[in-house]
Amino acid sequence: MVKYFVIIGVCLLTPVWPKDKTISMEELKLHNTSTSCWILIEKSVYDVTEYITVHDSLRYDIRKWCGTDSTMAYSKKDQSGKSHSKKADLLLRKYKIGLYQFD
């Protein structure tokens, strides 16, 4: 009975994600302002519009990356050579809206 409970517990903790929307570069480029800011990092697209003001408080404006492939900027903190923290990676998940549609 304990084994059965553990299996059910694990199943309940496994998230069920909806199928990811695919987003083209053309669509990504349309969201290039502070009122609609999407960025591409690796293979995923994120809507970071509501996070812009929070990030500004960290003394770095990410608005210039709106509507672009921001993979390099994110991985090297825009040429600082430092990686983002694990906490930043976890926070980014909150803003994921889809997968990039490679041409």
PDB file of N, CA and C in Angstrom:
ATOM      1  N   MET A   1       0.819  -1.200   0.000  1.00  0.00           N
ATOM      2  CA  MET A   1       0.000   0.000   0.000  1.00  0.00           C
ATOM      3  C   MET A   1       0.860   1.260   0.000  1.00  0.00           C
ATOM      4  N   VAL A   2       1.944   1.261   0.705  1.00  0.00           N
ATOM      5  CA  VAL A   2       2.823   2.421   0.716  1.00  0.00           C
ATOM      6  C   VAL A   2       3.383   2.681  -0.676  1.00  0.00           C
ATOM      7  N   LYS A   3       3.796   1.628  -1.395  1.00  0.00           N
ATOM      8  CA  LYS A   3       4.320   1.788  -2.748  1.00  0.00           C
ATOM      9  C   LYS A   3       3.273   2.429  -3.643  1.00  0.00           C
ATOM     10  N   TYR A   4       2.036   2.010  -3.530  1.00  0.00           N
ATOM     11  CA  TYR A   4       0.951   2.550  -4.337  1.00  0.00           C
ATOM     12  C   TYR A   4       0.764   4.039  -4.040  1.00  0.00           C
ATOM     13  N   PHE A   5       0.824   4.409  -2.771  1.00  0.00           N
ATOM     14  CA  PHE A   5       0.686   5.799  -2.372  1.00  0.00           C
ATOM     15  C   PHE A   5       1.812   6.656  -2.941  1.00  0.00           C
ATOM     16  N   VAL A   6       3.028   6.163  -2.902  1.00  0.00           N
ATOM     17  CA  VAL A   6       4.172   6.903  -3.427  1.00  0.00           C
ATOM     18  C   VAL A   6       4.017   7.129  -4.925  1.00  0.00           C
ATOM     19  N   ILE A   7       3.582   6.124  -5.653  1.00  0.00           N
ATOM     20  CA  ILE A   7       3.394   6.250  -7.092  1.00  0.00           C
ATOM     21  C   ILE A   7       2.331   7.310  -7.396  1.00  0.00           C
ATOM     22  N   ILE A   8       1.243   7.289  -6.674  1.00  0.00           N
ATOM     23  CA  ILE A   8       0.194   8.290  -6.868  1.00  0.00           C
ATOM     24  C   ILE A   8       0.729   9.668  -6.518  1.00  0.00           C
ATOM     25  N   GLY A   9       1.476   9.766  -5.417  1.00  0.00           N
ATOM     26  CA  GLY A   9       2.042  11.047  -5.005  1.00  0.00           C
ATOM     27  C   GLY A   9       2.955  11.627  -6.068  1.00  0.00           C
ATOM     28  N   VAL A  10       3.777  10.816  -6.665  1.00  0.00           N
ATOM     29  CA  VAL A  10       4.676  11.277  -7.715  1.00  0.00           C
ATOM     30  C   VAL A  10       3.883  11.739  -8.935  1.00  0.00           C
ATOM     31  N   CYS A  11       2.852  11.000  -9.293  1.00  0.00           N
ATOM     32  CA  CYS A  11       2.036  11.373 -10.443  1.00  0.00           C
ATOM     33  C   CYS A  11       1.339  12.704 -10.213  1.00  0.00           C
ATOM     34  N   LEU A  12       0.882  12.941  -9.014  1.00  0.00           N
ATOM     35  CA  LEU A  12       0.188  14.189  -8.723  1.00  0.00           C
ATOM     36  C   LEU A  12       1.132  15.384  -8.734  1.00  0.00           C
ATOM     37  N   LEU A  13       2.418  15.152  -8.437  1.00  0.00           N
ATOM     38  CA  LEU A  13       3.378  16.237  -8.408  1.00  0.00           C
ATOM     39  C   LEU A  13       3.951  16.547  -9.789  1.00  0.00           C
ATOM     40  N   THR A  14       3.734  15.676 -10.735  1.00  0.00           N
ATOM     41  CA  THR A  14       4.247  15.899 -12.075  1.00  0.00           C
ATOM     42  C   THR A  14       3.351  16.902 -12.789  1.00  0.00           C
ATOM     43  N   PRO A  15       3.923  18.035 -13.221  1.00  0.00           N
ATOM     44  CA  PRO A  15       3.082  19.039 -13.872  1.00  0.00           C
ATOM     45  C   PRO A  15       2.586  18.561 -15.228  1.00  0.00           C
ATOM     46  N   VAL A  16       1.416  19.006 -15.570  1.00  0.00           N
ATOM     47  CA  VAL A  16       0.857  18.706 -16.881  1.00  0.00           C
ATOM     48  C   VAL A  16       0.887  20.015 -17.656  1.00  0.00           C
ATOM     49  N   TRP A  17       1.787  20.095 -18.643  1.00  0.00           N
ATOM     50  CA  TRP A  17       1.953  21.312 -19.419  1.00  0.00           C
ATOM     51  C   TRP A  17       1.118  21.249 -20.678  1.00  0.00           C
ATOM     52  N   PRO A  18       0.496  22.353 -21.030  1.00  0.00           N
ATOM     53  CA  PRO A  18      -0.216  22.386 -22.307  1.00  0.00           C
ATOM     54  C   PRO A  18       0.806  22.334 -23.437  1.00  0.00           C
ATOM     55  N   LYS A  19       0.377  21.924 -24.596  1.00  0.00           N
ATOM     56  CA  LYS A  19       1.274  21.887 -25.737  1.00  0.00           C
ATOM     57  C   LYS A  19       1.784  23.300 -26.001  1.00  0.00           C
ATOM     58  N   ASP A  20       3.097  23.407 -26.175  1.00  0.00           N
ATOM     59  CA  ASP A  20       3.699  24.710 -26.392  1.00  0.00           C
ATOM     60  C   ASP A  20       3.305  25.312 -27.730  1.00  0.00           C
ATOM     61  N   LYS A  21       3.001  26.579 -27.717  1.00  0.00           N
ATOM     62  CA  LYS A  21       2.715  27.340 -28.931  1.00  0.00           C
ATOM     63  C   LYS A  21       4.044  27.541 -29.653  1.00  0.00           C
ATOM     64  N   THR A  22       4.040  27.495 -30.967  1.00  0.00           N
ATOM     65  CA  THR A  22       5.254  27.805 -31.717  1.00  0.00           C
ATOM     66  C   THR A  22       5.174  29.246 -32.201  1.00  0.00           C
ATOM     67  N   ILE A  23       6.291  29.939 -32.084  1.00  0.00           N
ATOM     68  CA  ILE A  23       6.348  31.365 -32.389  1.00  0.00           C
ATOM     69  C   ILE A  23       7.453  31.606 -33.403  1.00  0.00           C
ATOM     70  N   SER A  24       7.117  32.280 -34.480  1.00  0.00           N
ATOM     71  CA  SER A  24       8.088  32.577 -35.536  1.00  0.00           C
ATOM     72  C   SER A  24       8.889  33.832 -35.184  1.00  0.00           C
ATOM     73  N   MET A  25       9.972  34.029 -35.910  1.00  0.00           N
ATOM     74  CA  MET A  25      10.777  35.240 -35.713  1.00  0.00           C
ATOM     75  C   MET A  25       9.966  36.478 -36.080  1.00  0.00           C
ATOM     76  N   GLU A  26       9.121  36.369 -37.097  1.00  0.00           N
ATOM     77  CA  GLU A  26       8.290  37.502 -37.486  1.00  0.00           C
ATOM     78  C   GLU A  26       7.360  37.918 -36.347  1.00  0.00           C
ATOM     79  N   GLU A  27       6.766  36.931 -35.695  1.00  0.00           N
ATOM     80  CA  GLU A  27       5.877  37.237 -34.570  1.00  0.00           C
ATOM     81  C   GLU A  27       6.668  37.798 -33.395  1.00  0.00           C
ATOM     82  N   LEU A  28       7.812  37.222 -33.113  1.00  0.00           N
ATOM     83  CA  LEU A  28       8.665  37.696 -32.023  1.00  0.00           C
ATOM     84  C   LEU A  28       9.029  39.165 -32.234  1.00  0.00           C
ATOM     85  N   LYS A  29       9.413  39.522 -33.450  1.00  0.00           N
ATOM     86  CA  LYS A  29       9.834  40.897 -33.753  1.00  0.00           C
ATOM     87  C   LYS A  29       8.729  41.920 -33.539  1.00  0.00           C
ATOM     88  N   LEU A  30       7.468  41.495 -33.583  1.00  0.00           N
ATOM     89  CA  LEU A  30       6.350  42.412 -33.359  1.00  0.00           C
ATOM     90  C   LEU A  30       6.260  42.871 -31.904  1.00  0.00           C
ATOM     91  N   HIS A  31       6.876  42.142 -31.016  1.00  0.00           N
ATOM     92  CA  HIS A  31       6.798  42.422 -29.574  1.00  0.00           C
ATOM     93  C   HIS A  31       8.119  43.028 -29.107  1.00  0.00           C
ATOM     94  N   ASN A  32       8.397  44.228 -29.612  1.00  0.00           N
ATOM     95  CA  ASN A  32       9.700  44.848 -29.403  1.00  0.00           C
ATOM     96  C   ASN A  32       9.643  46.152 -28.607  1.00  0.00           C
ATOM     97  N   THR A  33       8.633  46.297 -27.772  1.00  0.00           N
ATOM     98  CA  THR A  33       8.488  47.518 -26.969  1.00  0.00           C
ATOM     99  C   THR A  33       8.346  47.168 -25.495  1.00  0.00           C
ATOM    100  N   SER A  34       8.423  48.171 -24.664  1.00  0.00           N
ATOM    101  CA  SER A  34       8.279  47.938 -23.225  1.00  0.00           C
ATOM    102  C   SER A  34       6.842  47.596 -22.838  1.00  0.00           C
ATOM    103  N   THR A  35       5.884  47.836 -23.733  1.00  0.00           N
ATOM    104  CA  THR A  35       4.497  47.469 -23.444  1.00  0.00           C
ATOM    105  C   THR A  35       4.155  46.076 -23.959  1.00  0.00           C
ATOM    106  N   SER A  36       5.039  45.507 -24.744  1.00  0.00           N
ATOM    107  CA  SER A  36       4.896  44.132 -25.221  1.00  0.00           C
ATOM    108  C   SER A  36       6.284  43.621 -25.575  1.00  0.00           C
ATOM    109  N   CYS A  37       6.939  43.012 -24.599  1.00  0.00           N
ATOM    110  CA  CYS A  37       8.340  42.620 -24.737  1.00  0.00           C
ATOM    111  C   CYS A  37       8.495  41.109 -24.674  1.00  0.00           C
ATOM    112  N   TRP A  38       8.745  40.517 -25.842  1.00  0.00           N
ATOM    113  CA  TRP A  38       9.034  39.080 -25.915  1.00  0.00           C
ATOM    114  C   TRP A  38      10.502  38.918 -26.257  1.00  0.00           C
ATOM    115  N   ILE A  39      11.122  37.912 -25.664  1.00  0.00           N
ATOM    116  CA  ILE A  39      12.514  37.611 -25.977  1.00  0.00           C
ATOM    117  C   ILE A  39      12.668  36.116 -26.241  1.00  0.00           C
ATOM    118  N   LEU A  40      13.630  35.802 -27.079  1.00  0.00           N
ATOM    119  CA  LEU A  40      13.969  34.410 -27.378  1.00  0.00           C
ATOM    120  C   LEU A  40      15.248  34.067 -26.649  1.00  0.00           C
ATOM    121  N   ILE A  41      15.211  32.987 -25.887  1.00  0.00           N
ATOM    122  CA  ILE A  41      16.408  32.465 -25.226  1.00  0.00           C
ATOM    123  C   ILE A  41      16.435  30.974 -25.496  1.00  0.00           C
ATOM    124  N   GLU A  42      17.528  30.563 -26.154  1.00  0.00           N
ATOM    125  CA  GLU A  42      17.676  29.170 -26.596  1.00  0.00           C
ATOM    126  C   GLU A  42      16.531  28.830 -27.537  1.00  0.00           C
ATOM    127  N   LYS A  43      15.658  27.928 -27.161  1.00  0.00           N
ATOM    128  CA  LYS A  43      14.560  27.491 -28.026  1.00  0.00           C
ATOM    129  C   LYS A  43      13.206  27.986 -27.541  1.00  0.00           C
ATOM    130  N   SER A  44      13.192  28.787 -26.493  1.00  0.00           N
ATOM    131  CA  SER A  44      11.931  29.223 -25.889  1.00  0.00           C
ATOM    132  C   SER A  44      11.732  30.724 -26.008  1.00  0.00           C
ATOM    133  N   VAL A  45      10.457  31.112 -26.075  1.00  0.00           N
ATOM    134  CA  VAL A  45      10.089  32.528 -26.145  1.00  0.00           C
ATOM    135  C   VAL A  45       9.414  32.903 -24.830  1.00  0.00           C
ATOM    136  N   TYR A  46       9.784  34.071 -24.313  1.00  0.00           N
ATOM    137  CA  TYR A  46       9.282  34.540 -23.026  1.00  0.00           C
ATOM    138  C   TYR A  46       8.672  35.924 -23.183  1.00  0.00           C
ATOM    139  N   ASP A  47       7.545  36.145 -22.519  1.00  0.00           N
ATOM    140  CA  ASP A  47       6.942  37.471 -22.455  1.00  0.00           C
ATOM    141  C   ASP A  47       7.378  38.088 -21.136  1.00  0.00           C
ATOM    142  N   VAL A  48       8.366  38.963 -21.193  1.00  0.00           N
ATOM    143  CA  VAL A  48       8.933  39.553 -19.978  1.00  0.00           C
ATOM    144  C   VAL A  48       8.437  40.983 -19.728  1.00  0.00           C
ATOM    145  N   THR A  49       7.342  41.335 -20.381  1.00  0.00           N
ATOM    146  CA  THR A  49       6.798  42.694 -20.275  1.00  0.00           C
ATOM    147  C   THR A  49       6.623  43.116 -18.813  1.00  0.00           C
ATOM    148  N   GLU A  50       5.977  42.277 -18.020  1.00  0.00           N
ATOM    149  CA  GLU A  50       5.709  42.677 -16.630  1.00  0.00           C
ATOM    150  C   GLU A  50       6.960  42.649 -15.763  1.00  0.00           C
ATOM    151  N   TYR A  51       8.030  42.028 -16.251  1.00  0.00           N
ATOM    152  CA  TYR A  51       9.269  41.934 -15.473  1.00  0.00           C
ATOM    153  C   TYR A  51      10.222  43.103 -15.737  1.00  0.00           C
ATOM    154  N   ILE A  52       9.972  43.868 -16.780  1.00  0.00           N
ATOM    155  CA  ILE A  52      10.895  44.946 -17.152  1.00  0.00           C
ATOM    156  C   ILE A  52      11.174  45.894 -15.989  1.00  0.00           C
ATOM    157  N   THR A  53      10.153  46.371 -15.316  1.00  0.00           N
ATOM    158  CA  THR A  53      10.371  47.339 -14.233  1.00  0.00           C
ATOM    159  C   THR A  53      11.106  46.708 -13.054  1.00  0.00           C
ATOM    160  N   VAL A  54      10.873  45.439 -12.811  1.00  0.00           N
ATOM    161  CA  VAL A  54      11.606  44.744 -11.744  1.00  0.00           C
ATOM    162  C   VAL A  54      13.080  44.673 -12.111  1.00  0.00           C
ATOM    163  N   HIS A  55      13.356  44.311 -13.349  1.00  0.00           N
ATOM    164  CA  HIS A  55      14.745  44.188 -13.787  1.00  0.00           C
ATOM    165  C   HIS A  55      15.435  45.550 -13.800  1.00  0.00           C
ATOM    166  N   ASP A  56      14.692  46.605 -14.110  1.00  0.00           N
ATOM    167  CA  ASP A  56      15.265  47.957 -14.069  1.00  0.00           C
ATOM    168  C   ASP A  56      15.808  48.277 -12.683  1.00  0.00           C
ATOM    169  N   SER A  57      15.144  47.780 -11.650  1.00  0.00           N
ATOM    170  CA  SER A  57      15.611  48.037 -10.290  1.00  0.00           C
ATOM    171  C   SER A  57      16.948  47.357 -10.020  1.00  0.00           C
ATOM    172  N   LEU A  58      17.327  46.430 -10.900  1.00  0.00           N
ATOM    173  CA  LEU A  58      18.627  45.763 -10.781  1.00  0.00           C
ATOM    174  C   LEU A  58      19.709  46.535 -11.547  1.00  0.00           C
ATOM    175  N   ARG A  59      19.351  47.714 -12.011  1.00  0.00           N
ATOM    176  CA  ARG A  59      20.259  48.630 -12.713  1.00  0.00           C
ATOM    177  C   ARG A  59      20.693  48.147 -14.091  1.00  0.00           C
ATOM    178  N   TYR A  60      19.822  47.434 -14.759  1.00  0.00           N
ATOM    179  CA  TYR A  60      20.118  47.036 -16.129  1.00  0.00           C
ATOM    180  C   TYR A  60      18.830  47.013 -16.926  1.00  0.00           C
ATOM    181  N   ASP A  61      18.798  47.788 -17.972  1.00  0.00           N
ATOM    182  CA  ASP A  61      17.600  47.907 -18.802  1.00  0.00           C
ATOM    183  C   ASP A  61      17.609  46.820 -19.869  1.00  0.00           C
ATOM    184  N   ILE A  62      16.600  45.957 -19.852  1.00  0.00           N
ATOM    185  CA  ILE A  62      16.520  44.872 -20.839  1.00  0.00           C
ATOM    186  C   ILE A  62      15.650  45.230 -22.034  1.00  0.00           C
ATOM    187  N   ARG A  63      15.154  46.457 -22.080  1.00  0.00           N
ATOM    188  CA  ARG A  63      14.264  46.855 -23.172  1.00  0.00           C
ATOM    189  C   ARG A  63      14.906  46.693 -24.550  1.00  0.00           C
ATOM    190  N   LYS A  64      16.205  46.878 -24.647  1.00  0.00           N
ATOM    191  CA  LYS A  64      16.869  46.778 -25.951  1.00  0.00           C
ATOM    192  C   LYS A  64      16.811  45.367 -26.528  1.00  0.00           C
ATOM    193  N   TRP A  65      16.453  44.394 -25.707  1.00  0.00           N
ATOM    194  CA  TRP A  65      16.385  43.011 -26.177  1.00  0.00           C
ATOM    195  C   TRP A  65      14.974  42.600 -26.562  1.00  0.00           C
ATOM    196  N   CYS A  66      14.002  43.465 -26.371  1.00  0.00           N
ATOM    197  CA  CYS A  66      12.617  43.135 -26.732  1.00  0.00           C
ATOM    198  C   CYS A  66      12.515  42.813 -28.223  1.00  0.00           C
ATOM    199  N   GLY A  67      11.864  41.710 -28.537  1.00  0.00           N
ATOM    200  CA  GLY A  67      11.645  41.324 -29.929  1.00  0.00           C
ATOM    201  C   GLY A  67      12.842  40.696 -30.603  1.00  0.00           C
ATOM    202  N   THR A  68      13.822  40.253 -29.821  1.00  0.00           N
ATOM    203  CA  THR A  68      15.052  39.724 -30.407  1.00  0.00           C
ATOM    204  C   THR A  68      15.438  38.368 -29.818  1.00  0.00           C
ATOM    205  N   ASP A  69      16.426  37.755 -30.473  1.00  0.00           N
ATOM    206  CA  ASP A  69      17.066  36.562 -29.919  1.00  0.00           C
ATOM    207  C   ASP A  69      18.048  37.059 -28.867  1.00  0.00           C
ATOM    208  N   SER A  70      17.739  36.806 -27.625  1.00  0.00           N
ATOM    209  CA  SER A  70      18.521  37.311 -26.495  1.00  0.00           C
ATOM    210  C   SER A  70      19.376  36.235 -25.857  1.00  0.00           C
ATOM    211  N   THR A  71      19.581  35.152 -26.550  1.00  0.00           N
ATOM    212  CA  THR A  71      20.299  34.010 -25.989  1.00  0.00           C
ATOM    213  C   THR A  71      21.684  34.401 -25.480  1.00  0.00           C
ATOM    214  N   MET A  72      22.468  35.046 -26.316  1.00  0.00           N
ATOM    215  CA  MET A  72      23.831  35.417 -25.907  1.00  0.00           C
ATOM    216  C   MET A  72      23.820  36.439 -24.774  1.00  0.00           C
ATOM    217  N   ALA A  73      22.938  37.403 -24.868  1.00  0.00           N
ATOM    218  CA  ALA A  73      22.853  38.422 -23.815  1.00  0.00           C
ATOM    219  C   ALA A  73      22.500  37.785 -22.475  1.00  0.00           C
ATOM    220  N   TYR A  74      21.568  36.821 -22.503  1.00  0.00           N
ATOM    221  CA  TYR A  74      21.164  36.157 -21.260  1.00  0.00           C
ATOM    222  C   TYR A  74      22.283  35.267 -20.731  1.00  0.00           C
ATOM    223  N   SER A  75      22.918  34.518 -21.613  1.00  0.00           N
ATOM    224  CA  SER A  75      23.920  33.553 -21.147  1.00  0.00           C
ATOM    225  C   SER A  75      25.179  34.234 -20.619  1.00  0.00           C
ATOM    226  N   LYS A  76      25.450  35.439 -21.075  1.00  0.00           N
ATOM    227  CA  LYS A  76      26.650  36.159 -20.618  1.00  0.00           C
ATOM    228  C   LYS A  76      26.324  37.490 -19.960  1.00  0.00           C
ATOM    229  N   LYS A  77      25.105  37.640 -19.499  1.00  0.00           N
ATOM    230  CA  LYS A  77      24.658  38.894 -18.879  1.00  0.00           C
ATOM    231  C   LYS A  77      25.105  40.091 -19.705  1.00  0.00           C
ATOM    232  N   ASP A  78      24.784  40.045 -20.986  1.00  0.00           N
ATOM    233  CA  ASP A  78      25.090  41.125 -21.923  1.00  0.00           C
ATOM    234  C   ASP A  78      26.563  41.521 -21.861  1.00  0.00           C
ATOM    235  N   GLN A  79      27.415  40.589 -22.128  1.00  0.00           N
ATOM    236  CA  GLN A  79      28.864  40.754 -22.258  1.00  0.00           C
ATOM    237  C   GLN A  79      29.607  40.951 -20.945  1.00  0.00           C
ATOM    238  N   SER A  80      28.969  40.704 -19.827  1.00  0.00           N
ATOM    239  CA  SER A  80      29.704  40.790 -18.563  1.00  0.00           C
ATOM    240  C   SER A  80      30.543  39.534 -18.350  1.00  0.00           C
ATOM    241  N   GLY A  81      30.202  38.474 -19.090  1.00  0.00           N
ATOM    242  CA  GLY A  81      30.934  37.219 -18.947  1.00  0.00           C
ATOM    243  C   GLY A  81      30.391  36.336 -17.843  1.00  0.00           C
ATOM    244  N   LYS A  82      29.466  36.858 -17.073  1.00  0.00           N
ATOM    245  CA  LYS A  82      28.887  36.090 -15.971  1.00  0.00           C
ATOM    246  C   LYS A  82      27.587  35.441 -16.423  1.00  0.00           C
ATOM    247  N   SER A  83      27.295  34.288 -15.874  1.00  0.00           N
ATOM    248  CA  SER A  83      26.031  33.615 -16.170  1.00  0.00           C
ATOM    249  C   SER A  83      24.955  34.102 -15.215  1.00  0.00           C
ATOM    250  N   HIS A  84      23.708  33.992 -15.656  1.00  0.00           N
ATOM    251  CA  HIS A  84      22.597  34.252 -14.740  1.00  0.00           C
ATOM    252  C   HIS A  84      22.551  33.145 -13.694  1.00  0.00           C
ATOM    253  N   SER A  85      21.980  33.444 -12.569  1.00  0.00           N
ATOM    254  CA  SER A  85      21.887  32.487 -11.468  1.00  0.00           C
ATOM    255  C   SER A  85      20.824  31.425 -11.739  1.00  0.00           C
ATOM    256  N   LYS A  86      20.857  30.368 -10.955  1.00  0.00           N
ATOM    257  CA  LYS A  86      19.811  29.338 -11.033  1.00  0.00           C
ATOM    258  C   LYS A  86      18.465  29.956 -10.685  1.00  0.00           C
ATOM    259  N   LYS A  87      18.475  30.904  -9.759  1.00  0.00           N
ATOM    260  CA  LYS A  87      17.240  31.592  -9.378  1.00  0.00           C
ATOM    261  C   LYS A  87      16.650  32.331 -10.584  1.00  0.00           C
ATOM    262  N   ALA A  88      17.502  32.979 -11.371  1.00  0.00           N
ATOM    263  CA  ALA A  88      17.036  33.684 -12.568  1.00  0.00           C
ATOM    264  C   ALA A  88      16.466  32.691 -13.581  1.00  0.00           C
ATOM    265  N   ASP A  89      17.131  31.541 -13.728  1.00  0.00           N
ATOM    266  CA  ASP A  89      16.633  30.517 -14.653  1.00  0.00           C
ATOM    267  C   ASP A  89      15.251  30.026 -14.235  1.00  0.00           C
ATOM    268  N   LEU A  90      15.053  29.836 -12.936  1.00  0.00           N
ATOM    269  CA  LEU A  90      13.747  29.390 -12.433  1.00  0.00           C
ATOM    270  C   LEU A  90      12.688  30.477 -12.628  1.00  0.00           C
ATOM    271  N   LEU A  91      13.058  31.721 -12.385  1.00  0.00           N
ATOM    272  CA  LEU A  91      12.132  32.831 -12.553  1.00  0.00           C
ATOM    273  C   LEU A  91      11.708  32.969 -14.014  1.00  0.00           C
ATOM    274  N   LEU A  92      12.635  32.752 -14.917  1.00  0.00           N
ATOM    275  CA  LEU A  92      12.351  32.876 -16.345  1.00  0.00           C
ATOM    276  C   LEU A  92      11.241  31.933 -16.785  1.00  0.00           C
ATOM    277  N   ARG A  93      11.178  30.769 -16.198  1.00  0.00           N
ATOM    278  CA  ARG A  93      10.138  29.786 -16.548  1.00  0.00           C
ATOM    279  C   ARG A  93       8.730  30.372 -16.435  1.00  0.00           C
ATOM    280  N   LYS A  94       8.546  31.261 -15.483  1.00  0.00           N
ATOM    281  CA  LYS A  94       7.233  31.879 -15.245  1.00  0.00           C
ATOM    282  C   LYS A  94       6.746  32.637 -16.478  1.00  0.00           C
ATOM    283  N   TYR A  95       7.669  33.130 -17.290  1.00  0.00           N
ATOM    284  CA  TYR A  95       7.326  33.993 -18.408  1.00  0.00           C
ATOM    285  C   TYR A  95       7.313  33.267 -19.761  1.00  0.00           C
ATOM    286  N   LYS A  96       7.540  31.969 -19.756  1.00  0.00           N
ATOM    287  CA  LYS A  96       7.581  31.221 -21.014  1.00  0.00           C
ATOM    288  C   LYS A  96       6.180  31.182 -21.656  1.00  0.00           C
ATOM    289  N   ILE A  97       6.145  31.515 -22.955  1.00  0.00           N
ATOM    290  CA  ILE A  97       4.867  31.510 -23.663  1.00  0.00           C
ATOM    291  C   ILE A  97       4.873  30.568 -24.866  1.00  0.00           C
ATOM    292  N   GLY A  98       6.028  30.042 -25.221  1.00  0.00           N
ATOM    293  CA  GLY A  98       6.062  29.131 -26.359  1.00  0.00           C
ATOM    294  C   GLY A  98       7.463  28.751 -26.781  1.00  0.00           C
ATOM    295  N   LEU A  99       7.512  27.989 -27.867  1.00  0.00           N
ATOM    296  CA  LEU A  99       8.777  27.552 -28.447  1.00  0.00           C
ATOM    297  C   LEU A  99       9.024  28.276 -29.753  1.00  0.00           C
ATOM    298  N   TYR A 100      10.281  28.547 -30.013  1.00  0.00           N
ATOM    299  CA  TYR A 100      10.650  29.211 -31.246  1.00  0.00           C
ATOM    300  C   TYR A 100      10.501  28.246 -32.423  1.00  0.00           C
ATOM    301  N   GLN A 101       9.902  28.738 -33.475  1.00  0.00           N
ATOM    302  CA  GLN A 101       9.703  27.943 -34.692  1.00  0.00           C
ATOM    303  C   GLN A 101      10.900  28.215 -35.608  1.00  0.00           C
ATOM    304  N   PHE A 102      11.816  27.257 -35.674  1.00  0.00           N
ATOM    305  CA  PHE A 102      12.991  27.420 -36.536  1.00  0.00           C
ATOM    306  C   PHE A 102      12.576  27.340 -37.997  1.00  0.00           C
ATOM    307  N   ASP A 103      13.173  28.194 -38.797  1.00  0.00           N
ATOM    308  CA  ASP A 103      12.856  28.242 -40.223  1.00  0.00           C
ATOM    309  C   ASP A 103      13.591  27.163 -40.993  1.00  0.00           C
TER     310      ASP A 103
END
